[in-house]
Amino acid sequence: MKYLTFTLFLFFSFLSSRLLAQKAILTTEDSLTNNLSKSATTIGGYGNSFYQRNSSLQTAKVNLERFVLFTGHKFNDKISFFSELEVEDAKVSGGESGGEVAVEQAYLKFNLNANQYITAGLFIPRIGLLNENHLPNTFNGNERNYVETFILPSTWREIGVGFNGNLNNFPLNYSIALVNGLSSANFEHGSGIREGRFEGRNASANNLALTAAIQYYQNNFKVQVSGYYGGTVGVNKRKANSLGLSWGTFGTPVALGEADVQYANNGFSVKVLATIVSIADAASINRAYANNTPQTEYGAYAEAGYDLFCLNKRPHENQLIVFVRDEKLNMNAKVPSNGVIDGTLDQNYVVAGFTYLPVRNVAVKADVRIVHTGHQNPDLVINPNPAAQPYQSNYNLINLGIALSF
């Protein structure tokens, strides 16, 4: 890991002197965000569906993974409203597991001037690449990358207030937000801090969090550094003391840092991202909730793609992107003395395939995900199913699917 960190440091240092990528207007939400909407109320959305075959289990499935309906309204040039309603796995049935209906965003945007605005409500902070820009036709592969699914738990949204802006004469964007914190009581073994999100539902306001991001861009490059620091104990002081947890606005904190680089030119594109999560009081959380919370998690990936149709065509015509991505993550890179190492959470994924876009808002995708993990810890296997197959540390997933946004 130290060699990967050093290599990424050199790469970021080399690129940080250069970097831009103007955000394309792909959807009605983009039009409203950039104050270009021609009507007061706008409707849009996105969704994706795919087929997946598991080579280890010799099983296959098809799923409408998500459909999201966007509704926005422009009250005037200064105030707009943004909302998204998401359905995962097609439907939710009482008494059955799976599926989710959730409000993904619901916030007001107040334009202060041409360069600055405030957001208030349930919104997505600027952390990583995928969290804010997660339209399925804009990333390669049928599934979202796992680094930004578990280490950075996209799509990560909370209730709060944010301030965003850019500098007039310098290619720099900035963002800072105050939002509700996480719940360490809901951390789950095997998913990092993901289940600790409130996502707008009865969120504790006893503990809060700060997020911030800086983007620097020039020519065909864009570099970002973002971070998060917030408390994870929302109970009152008396209960926190009884659980042996640090209480207060930033009590029993989670700290997260992330850096990424993007490059795109003449059909060639590169993305590199690295992130680390620190939970200093993980031992106290484990003592209180017995959820095997790690002290440190990390993740990194690098992706390269090339549009085979980039030559001899006009901009924005159809694309055929071939790509390869290498992902490395460990959700228990360091565990406290009362934690248990799970080798299956030390994971590596190599994903390769193509993305065909007949138009910019529709994608047809095919990819192979080569999976390698550490070995299963028998101490974590409780009441095993006698019919269960032995754990496989190496297997492949074949994915075929479609994606769209409008």
Protein backbone atom coordinates (compact mmCIF):
# COMPACT_ATOMS: atom_id res chain seq x y z
CA MET A 1 0.00 0.00 0.00
CA LYS A 2 2.90 2.39 0.77
CA TYR A 3 4.16 2.04 -2.83
CA LEU A 4 0.68 2.77 -4.21
CA THR A 5 0.38 5.83 -1.96
CA PHE A 6 3.79 7.12 -3.04
CA THR A 7 2.99 6.58 -6.74
CA LEU A 8 -0.34 8.41 -6.41
CA PHE A 9 1.37 11.26 -4.57
CA LEU A 10 3.84 11.73 -7.43
CA PHE A 11 1.04 11.50 -9.99
CA PHE A 12 -1.10 14.11 -8.22
CA SER A 13 1.90 16.39 -7.74
CA PHE A 14 2.74 16.22 -11.44
CA LEU A 15 -0.79 16.97 -12.58
CA SER A 16 -1.70 19.59 -10.00
CA SER A 17 0.12 22.27 -11.96
CA ARG A 18 -2.16 21.83 -14.99
CA LEU A 19 -6.19 21.01 -15.04
CA LEU A 20 -10.68 21.63 -16.59
CA ALA A 21 -13.57 19.91 -17.56
CA GLN A 22 -16.60 21.99 -18.15
CA LYS A 23 -19.65 20.10 -16.98
CA ALA A 24 -21.71 19.01 -19.98
CA ILE A 25 -25.40 19.81 -20.12
CA LEU A 26 -26.77 16.25 -20.31
CA THR A 27 -30.07 16.42 -18.41
CA THR A 28 -32.84 18.78 -17.35
CA GLU A 29 -31.22 18.86 -13.91
CA ASP A 30 -28.01 20.19 -15.50
CA SER A 31 -30.03 22.89 -17.25
CA LEU A 32 -31.65 23.95 -14.00
CA THR A 33 -28.32 23.84 -12.13
CA ASN A 34 -26.76 26.17 -14.71
CA ASN A 35 -29.85 28.43 -14.75
CA LEU A 36 -30.54 27.53 -18.40
CA SER A 37 -33.93 25.88 -17.97
CA LYS A 38 -36.54 27.23 -20.38
CA SER A 39 -39.54 26.26 -18.25
CA ALA A 40 -40.33 26.88 -14.58
CA THR A 41 -40.84 23.19 -13.74
CA THR A 42 -38.61 20.49 -15.18
CA ILE A 43 -38.81 16.69 -15.13
CA GLY A 44 -35.95 14.31 -15.79
CA GLY A 45 -34.43 11.13 -14.48
CA TYR A 46 -32.09 8.21 -15.00
CA GLY A 47 -31.99 4.45 -14.64
CA ASN A 48 -30.15 1.25 -15.46
CA SER A 49 -30.81 -2.45 -15.82
CA PHE A 50 -28.39 -5.33 -16.35
CA TYR A 51 -27.84 -9.07 -16.60
CA GLN A 52 -25.14 -10.62 -14.41
CA ARG A 53 -23.62 -14.10 -14.41
CA ASN A 54 -21.47 -15.40 -11.53
CA SER A 55 -18.86 -17.91 -12.75
CA SER A 56 -18.30 -19.33 -9.26
CA LEU A 57 -21.91 -20.00 -8.31
CA GLN A 58 -22.96 -20.75 -11.91
CA THR A 59 -25.94 -18.47 -11.40
CA ALA A 60 -27.36 -15.53 -13.32
CA LYS A 61 -29.76 -12.70 -12.56
CA VAL A 62 -31.39 -9.72 -14.24
CA ASN A 63 -32.36 -6.60 -12.34
CA LEU A 64 -33.74 -3.10 -12.86
CA GLU A 65 -31.14 -1.79 -10.45
CA ARG A 66 -32.54 1.70 -10.10
CA PHE A 67 -34.90 4.23 -11.59
CA VAL A 68 -34.79 7.83 -10.42
CA LEU A 69 -37.30 10.55 -11.24
CA PHE A 70 -36.04 14.13 -11.03
CA THR A 71 -38.38 17.07 -10.49
CA GLY A 72 -37.16 20.65 -10.25
CA HIS A 73 -38.70 24.09 -10.13
CA LYS A 74 -37.27 27.52 -10.83
CA PHE A 75 -39.01 30.12 -8.66
CA ASN A 76 -36.88 32.92 -10.11
CA ASP A 77 -33.29 33.51 -11.21
CA LYS A 78 -32.16 33.34 -7.57
CA ILE A 79 -34.08 30.38 -6.09
CA SER A 80 -34.60 26.85 -7.45
CA PHE A 81 -35.74 23.52 -6.00
CA PHE A 82 -34.20 20.11 -6.81
CA SER A 83 -35.60 16.69 -5.93
CA GLU A 84 -35.02 13.03 -6.85
CA LEU A 85 -37.17 10.04 -5.96
CA GLU A 86 -35.38 6.70 -6.34
CA VAL A 87 -36.69 3.15 -6.66
CA GLU A 88 -34.10 0.37 -6.38
CA ASP A 89 -34.63 -3.21 -7.61
CA ALA A 90 -37.93 -2.34 -9.33
CA LYS A 91 -40.32 -2.71 -6.39
CA VAL A 92 -40.74 -2.96 -2.64
CA SER A 93 -43.09 -5.58 -1.20
CA GLY A 94 -44.14 -5.91 2.41
CA GLY A 95 -42.46 -8.79 4.22
CA GLU A 96 -39.91 -9.32 1.44
CA SER A 97 -36.25 -8.33 1.51
CA GLY A 98 -34.75 -6.15 -1.22
CA GLY A 99 -35.85 -3.04 -3.00
CA GLU A 100 -35.93 0.51 -1.72
CA VAL A 101 -37.92 3.68 -2.27
CA ALA A 102 -36.04 6.76 -1.12
CA VAL A 103 -35.76 10.50 -1.61
CA GLU A 104 -32.25 10.98 -2.96
CA GLN A 105 -32.30 14.77 -3.00
CA ALA A 106 -34.69 17.52 -1.87
CA TYR A 107 -33.06 20.90 -1.49
CA LEU A 108 -33.28 24.59 -2.31
CA LYS A 109 -30.53 26.37 -4.21
CA PHE A 110 -30.01 30.09 -3.60
CA ASN A 111 -27.89 31.86 -6.21
CA LEU A 112 -25.96 34.64 -4.51
CA ASN A 113 -24.25 35.81 -7.69
CA ALA A 114 -22.79 34.36 -10.88
CA ASN A 115 -20.07 32.54 -8.93
CA GLN A 116 -21.57 31.52 -5.58
CA TYR A 117 -24.64 29.71 -4.30
CA ILE A 118 -26.05 28.11 -1.14
CA THR A 119 -27.84 24.76 -0.89
CA ALA A 120 -30.16 23.82 1.98
CA GLY A 121 -32.05 20.58 2.57
CA LEU A 122 -31.24 16.98 1.66
CA PHE A 123 -28.34 17.16 -0.79
CA ILE A 124 -25.24 15.27 -1.97
CA PRO A 125 -21.93 16.69 -0.71
CA ARG A 126 -19.01 16.88 -3.11
CA ILE A 127 -16.94 13.86 -2.05
CA GLY A 128 -15.15 11.77 -4.67
CA LEU A 129 -16.17 11.46 -8.32
CA LEU A 130 -19.22 9.21 -8.32
CA ASN A 131 -21.14 10.73 -5.42
CA GLU A 132 -22.06 13.93 -7.22
CA ASN A 133 -21.84 12.63 -10.81
CA HIS A 134 -23.52 9.22 -10.69
CA LEU A 135 -25.63 9.10 -13.87
CA PRO A 136 -25.24 5.50 -15.14
CA ASN A 137 -24.55 6.59 -18.72
CA THR A 138 -21.55 8.68 -17.59
CA PHE A 139 -19.43 5.95 -15.99
CA ASN A 140 -18.00 2.76 -17.46
CA GLY A 141 -19.16 -0.65 -16.28
CA ASN A 142 -22.67 -1.75 -15.39
CA GLU A 143 -21.98 -1.58 -11.65
CA ARG A 144 -20.62 1.43 -9.81
CA ASN A 145 -17.03 1.00 -8.73
CA TYR A 146 -16.75 -0.63 -5.31
CA VAL A 147 -14.30 1.91 -3.85
CA GLU A 148 -16.99 4.59 -4.21
CA THR A 149 -19.70 2.22 -3.04
CA PHE A 150 -18.23 1.07 0.28
CA ILE A 151 -15.24 3.23 1.26
CA LEU A 152 -16.97 6.35 -0.08
CA PRO A 153 -20.58 5.26 0.42
CA SER A 154 -22.17 6.73 -2.69
CA THR A 155 -24.78 7.96 -3.13
CA TRP A 156 -24.10 9.78 0.16
CA ARG A 157 -26.68 12.42 0.98
CA GLU A 158 -27.53 14.12 4.26
CA ILE A 159 -29.51 17.12 5.52
CA GLY A 160 -27.65 20.38 5.97
CA VAL A 161 -26.51 23.61 4.38
CA GLY A 162 -23.72 24.05 1.85
CA PHE A 163 -21.81 26.90 0.25
CA ASN A 164 -20.35 26.51 -3.26
CA GLY A 165 -18.45 28.83 -5.53
CA ASN A 166 -15.66 29.45 -8.00
CA LEU A 167 -13.02 32.12 -8.47
CA ASN A 168 -13.35 34.71 -11.20
CA ASN A 169 -9.83 34.75 -12.56
CA PHE A 170 -8.52 31.38 -11.42
CA PRO A 171 -9.68 27.87 -12.42
CA LEU A 172 -10.80 26.79 -8.95
CA ASN A 173 -14.13 25.56 -7.52
CA TYR A 174 -14.77 25.12 -3.82
CA SER A 175 -17.47 23.62 -1.65
CA ILE A 176 -18.09 23.42 2.11
CA ALA A 177 -21.10 22.00 3.94
CA LEU A 178 -22.41 21.38 7.44
CA VAL A 179 -24.58 18.24 7.61
CA ASN A 180 -25.85 15.76 10.16
CA GLY A 181 -23.33 13.11 11.24
CA LEU A 182 -23.32 9.32 11.04
CA SER A 183 -24.62 6.66 13.43
CA SER A 184 -21.91 4.29 14.67
CA ALA A 185 -24.66 2.09 16.14
CA ASN A 186 -25.63 1.18 12.57
CA PHE A 187 -22.16 0.43 11.20
CA GLU A 188 -22.17 -3.09 9.78
CA HIS A 189 -19.34 -5.53 9.29
CA GLY A 190 -18.64 -5.83 5.58
CA SER A 191 -19.97 -2.46 4.41
CA GLY A 192 -17.71 0.07 6.11
CA ILE A 193 -19.52 3.21 7.26
CA ARG A 194 -22.24 2.83 4.62
CA GLU A 195 -25.08 1.74 6.91
CA GLY A 196 -24.28 4.60 9.31
CA ARG A 197 -25.81 7.14 6.92
CA PHE A 198 -29.18 8.63 7.86
CA GLU A 199 -30.02 9.75 4.28
CA GLY A 200 -32.60 12.24 5.52
CA ARG A 201 -34.58 9.88 7.75
CA ASN A 202 -34.91 10.96 11.41
CA ALA A 203 -31.29 12.02 11.44
CA SER A 204 -29.66 12.89 14.74
CA ALA A 205 -28.63 16.54 15.01
CA ASN A 206 -26.72 16.07 18.28
CA ASN A 207 -23.71 15.11 16.17
CA LEU A 208 -22.74 17.03 13.04
CA ALA A 209 -20.18 16.80 10.25
CA LEU A 210 -18.19 19.14 8.04
CA THR A 211 -17.35 18.35 4.42
CA ALA A 212 -15.22 20.35 2.03
CA ALA A 213 -13.80 20.03 -1.47
CA ILE A 214 -11.51 21.97 -3.78
CA GLN A 215 -11.40 21.38 -7.55
CA TYR A 216 -8.65 22.79 -9.73
CA TYR A 217 -8.98 22.50 -13.50
CA GLN A 218 -7.07 23.51 -16.59
CA ASN A 219 -7.23 22.41 -20.21
CA ASN A 220 -8.11 18.69 -20.18
CA PHE A 221 -7.29 17.97 -16.54
CA LYS A 222 -9.23 18.26 -13.30
CA VAL A 223 -7.91 17.57 -9.80
CA GLN A 224 -9.97 17.40 -6.62
CA VAL A 225 -9.25 17.02 -2.93
CA SER A 226 -12.17 16.47 -0.55
CA GLY A 227 -12.69 15.53 3.07
CA TYR A 228 -15.21 14.72 5.78
CA TYR A 229 -15.06 14.95 9.58
CA GLY A 230 -18.07 14.20 11.75
CA GLY A 231 -19.40 12.71 14.94
CA THR A 232 -21.12 9.32 15.11
CA VAL A 233 -22.90 9.41 18.49
CA GLY A 234 -26.31 11.07 18.39
CA VAL A 235 -27.62 9.88 21.75
CA ASN A 236 -27.70 12.10 24.84
CA LYS A 237 -24.69 12.52 27.11
CA ARG A 238 -25.95 10.15 29.79
CA LYS A 239 -26.47 7.28 27.35
CA ALA A 240 -23.16 7.98 25.59
CA ASN A 241 -21.34 7.81 28.91
CA SER A 242 -23.06 4.53 29.78
CA LEU A 243 -21.88 3.10 26.45
CA GLY A 244 -18.34 4.38 26.94
CA LEU A 245 -18.53 6.63 23.88
CA SER A 246 -17.32 10.18 23.40
CA TRP A 247 -20.30 12.53 23.25
CA GLY A 248 -20.69 15.90 21.54
CA THR A 249 -20.94 17.54 18.13
CA PHE A 250 -17.91 15.66 16.80
CA GLY A 251 -17.82 12.88 19.39
CA THR A 252 -16.46 9.45 18.37
CA PRO A 253 -15.53 10.87 14.96
CA VAL A 254 -15.07 9.51 11.46
CA ALA A 255 -12.42 11.26 9.36
CA LEU A 256 -12.21 10.72 5.60
CA GLY A 257 -9.85 12.08 2.99
CA GLU A 258 -10.00 11.71 -0.80
CA ALA A 259 -8.07 12.89 -3.86
CA ASP A 260 -8.74 12.28 -7.53
CA VAL A 261 -7.54 13.24 -11.00
CA GLN A 262 -9.38 13.20 -14.34
CA TYR A 263 -8.01 13.65 -17.83
CA ALA A 264 -9.83 13.58 -21.19
CA ASN A 265 -8.53 14.44 -24.65
CA ASN A 266 -9.06 13.15 -28.20
CA GLY A 267 -11.10 10.16 -27.09
CA PHE A 268 -8.67 9.12 -24.37
CA SER A 269 -9.68 9.38 -20.71
CA VAL A 270 -8.09 8.56 -17.35
CA LYS A 271 -9.48 8.58 -13.81
CA VAL A 272 -7.46 7.99 -10.64
CA LEU A 273 -8.86 8.14 -7.11
CA ALA A 274 -7.53 7.31 -3.65
CA THR A 275 -9.29 7.55 -0.29
CA ILE A 276 -8.79 6.60 3.36
CA VAL A 277 -11.17 6.43 6.33
CA SER A 278 -10.05 6.68 9.95
CA ILE A 279 -12.21 5.75 12.95
CA ALA A 280 -9.96 6.45 15.91
CA ASP A 281 -12.44 5.23 18.54
CA ALA A 282 -13.31 1.98 16.77
CA ALA A 283 -12.53 -0.06 19.89
CA SER A 284 -15.11 1.93 21.88
CA ILE A 285 -17.70 1.44 19.14
CA ASN A 286 -17.07 -2.32 19.14
CA ARG A 287 -17.34 -2.45 22.90
CA ALA A 288 -20.68 -0.61 22.76
CA TYR A 289 -22.30 -2.25 19.72
CA ALA A 290 -20.24 -5.39 18.89
CA ASN A 291 -20.30 -4.55 15.17
CA ASN A 292 -16.60 -5.20 14.38
CA THR A 293 -15.92 -1.63 13.27
CA PRO A 294 -12.44 -1.19 11.72
CA GLN A 295 -10.01 1.53 12.70
CA THR A 296 -8.81 2.17 9.14
CA GLU A 297 -10.23 1.54 5.66
CA TYR A 298 -8.74 2.52 2.31
CA GLY A 299 -9.48 2.27 -1.37
CA ALA A 300 -8.00 3.32 -4.71
CA TYR A 301 -8.66 2.78 -8.39
CA ALA A 302 -7.28 3.75 -11.77
CA GLU A 303 -9.24 3.61 -15.03
CA ALA A 304 -8.28 4.22 -18.64
CA GLY A 305 -10.66 4.40 -21.58
CA TYR A 306 -10.56 5.16 -25.29
CA ASP A 307 -13.35 6.07 -27.70
CA LEU A 308 -12.83 3.98 -30.85
CA PHE A 309 -15.12 6.35 -32.77
CA CYS A 310 -13.23 9.52 -31.80
CA LEU A 311 -11.59 9.98 -35.20
CA ASN A 312 -13.44 11.42 -38.20
CA LYS A 313 -16.59 12.44 -36.37
CA ARG A 314 -18.28 15.57 -35.09
CA PRO A 315 -18.43 16.24 -31.33
CA HIS A 316 -21.22 14.55 -29.37
CA GLU A 317 -21.87 11.85 -31.99
CA ASN A 318 -22.02 8.20 -30.97
CA GLN A 319 -19.15 6.71 -28.96
CA LEU A 320 -17.69 3.25 -28.41
CA ILE A 321 -15.49 3.37 -25.32
CA VAL A 322 -13.26 0.45 -24.40
CA PHE A 323 -11.94 0.61 -20.86
CA VAL A 324 -10.11 -1.17 -18.09
CA ARG A 325 -10.23 -0.35 -14.37
CA ASP A 326 -8.24 -1.72 -11.43
CA GLU A 327 -9.83 -1.32 -7.98
CA LYS A 328 -8.23 -2.07 -4.62
CA LEU A 329 -10.01 -1.71 -1.26
CA ASN A 330 -9.71 -3.03 2.25
CA MET A 331 -12.59 -2.47 4.68
CA ASN A 332 -10.55 -3.71 7.63
CA ALA A 333 -7.05 -2.51 6.83
CA LYS A 334 -6.50 -1.96 10.54
CA VAL A 335 -8.72 -3.28 13.32
CA PRO A 336 -8.64 -2.45 17.05
CA SER A 337 -7.65 -5.01 19.66
CA ASN A 338 -11.29 -6.10 20.10
CA GLY A 339 -11.89 -6.46 16.35
CA VAL A 340 -11.63 -9.51 14.10
CA ILE A 341 -9.84 -9.49 10.74
CA ASP A 342 -11.96 -10.65 7.80
CA GLY A 343 -9.84 -11.53 4.80
CA THR A 344 -12.81 -11.33 2.45
CA LEU A 345 -12.87 -7.54 2.95
CA ASP A 346 -9.41 -7.20 1.40
CA GLN A 347 -10.54 -6.99 -2.21
CA ASN A 348 -9.21 -6.41 -5.71
CA TYR A 349 -11.31 -6.00 -8.87
CA VAL A 350 -10.18 -5.75 -12.47
CA VAL A 351 -13.01 -4.59 -14.72
CA ALA A 352 -12.79 -4.45 -18.52
CA GLY A 353 -15.38 -3.94 -21.23
CA PHE A 354 -17.02 -1.39 -23.46
CA THR A 355 -19.65 1.34 -23.32
CA TYR A 356 -21.55 2.15 -26.50
CA LEU A 357 -23.44 5.46 -26.58
CA PRO A 358 -25.60 5.86 -29.72
CA VAL A 359 -26.50 9.24 -28.19
CA ARG A 360 -24.93 10.84 -25.12
CA ASN A 361 -27.87 9.99 -22.84
CA VAL A 362 -28.19 6.28 -23.69
CA ALA A 363 -25.58 3.60 -23.04
CA VAL A 364 -25.29 -0.08 -23.87
CA LYS A 365 -22.68 -1.75 -21.67
CA ALA A 366 -20.77 -5.02 -21.42
CA ASP A 367 -18.04 -5.79 -18.94
CA VAL A 368 -16.22 -8.56 -17.09
CA ARG A 369 -15.36 -8.09 -13.40
CA ILE A 370 -12.48 -10.28 -12.21
CA VAL A 371 -12.75 -10.62 -8.43
CA HIS A 372 -10.05 -11.57 -5.94
CA THR A 373 -10.39 -11.40 -2.15
CA GLY A 374 -8.55 -12.66 0.90
CA HIS A 375 -9.59 -15.85 2.64
CA GLN A 376 -12.61 -16.28 4.85
CA ASN A 377 -12.04 -16.19 8.61
CA PRO A 378 -13.75 -19.26 10.16
CA ASP A 379 -14.27 -17.32 13.42
CA LEU A 380 -16.80 -15.16 11.56
CA VAL A 381 -18.81 -18.08 10.15
CA ILE A 382 -21.71 -18.58 12.55
CA ASN A 383 -24.34 -21.30 12.01
CA PRO A 384 -23.18 -22.11 8.45
CA ASN A 385 -25.68 -23.52 5.99
CA PRO A 386 -24.69 -27.18 5.38
CA ALA A 387 -25.70 -26.79 1.73
CA ALA A 388 -23.58 -23.66 1.20
CA GLN A 389 -20.72 -23.86 -1.27
CA PRO A 390 -17.18 -23.23 0.02
CA TYR A 391 -16.14 -19.57 -0.12
CA GLN A 392 -14.45 -18.65 -3.39
CA SER A 393 -11.68 -16.06 -3.25
CA ASN A 394 -11.50 -15.84 -7.06
CA TYR A 395 -14.39 -15.61 -9.49
CA ASN A 396 -15.72 -13.61 -12.42
CA LEU A 397 -18.88 -11.60 -13.01
CA ILE A 398 -20.14 -11.02 -16.57
CA ASN A 399 -22.44 -8.00 -16.95
CA LEU A 400 -24.59 -6.85 -19.88
CA GLY A 401 -26.89 -3.88 -19.51
CA ILE A 402 -28.42 -0.58 -20.53
CA ALA A 403 -28.43 2.86 -18.92
CA LEU A 404 -30.06 6.21 -19.63
CA SER A 405 -30.60 9.74 -18.35
CA PHE A 406 -32.82 12.58 -19.55
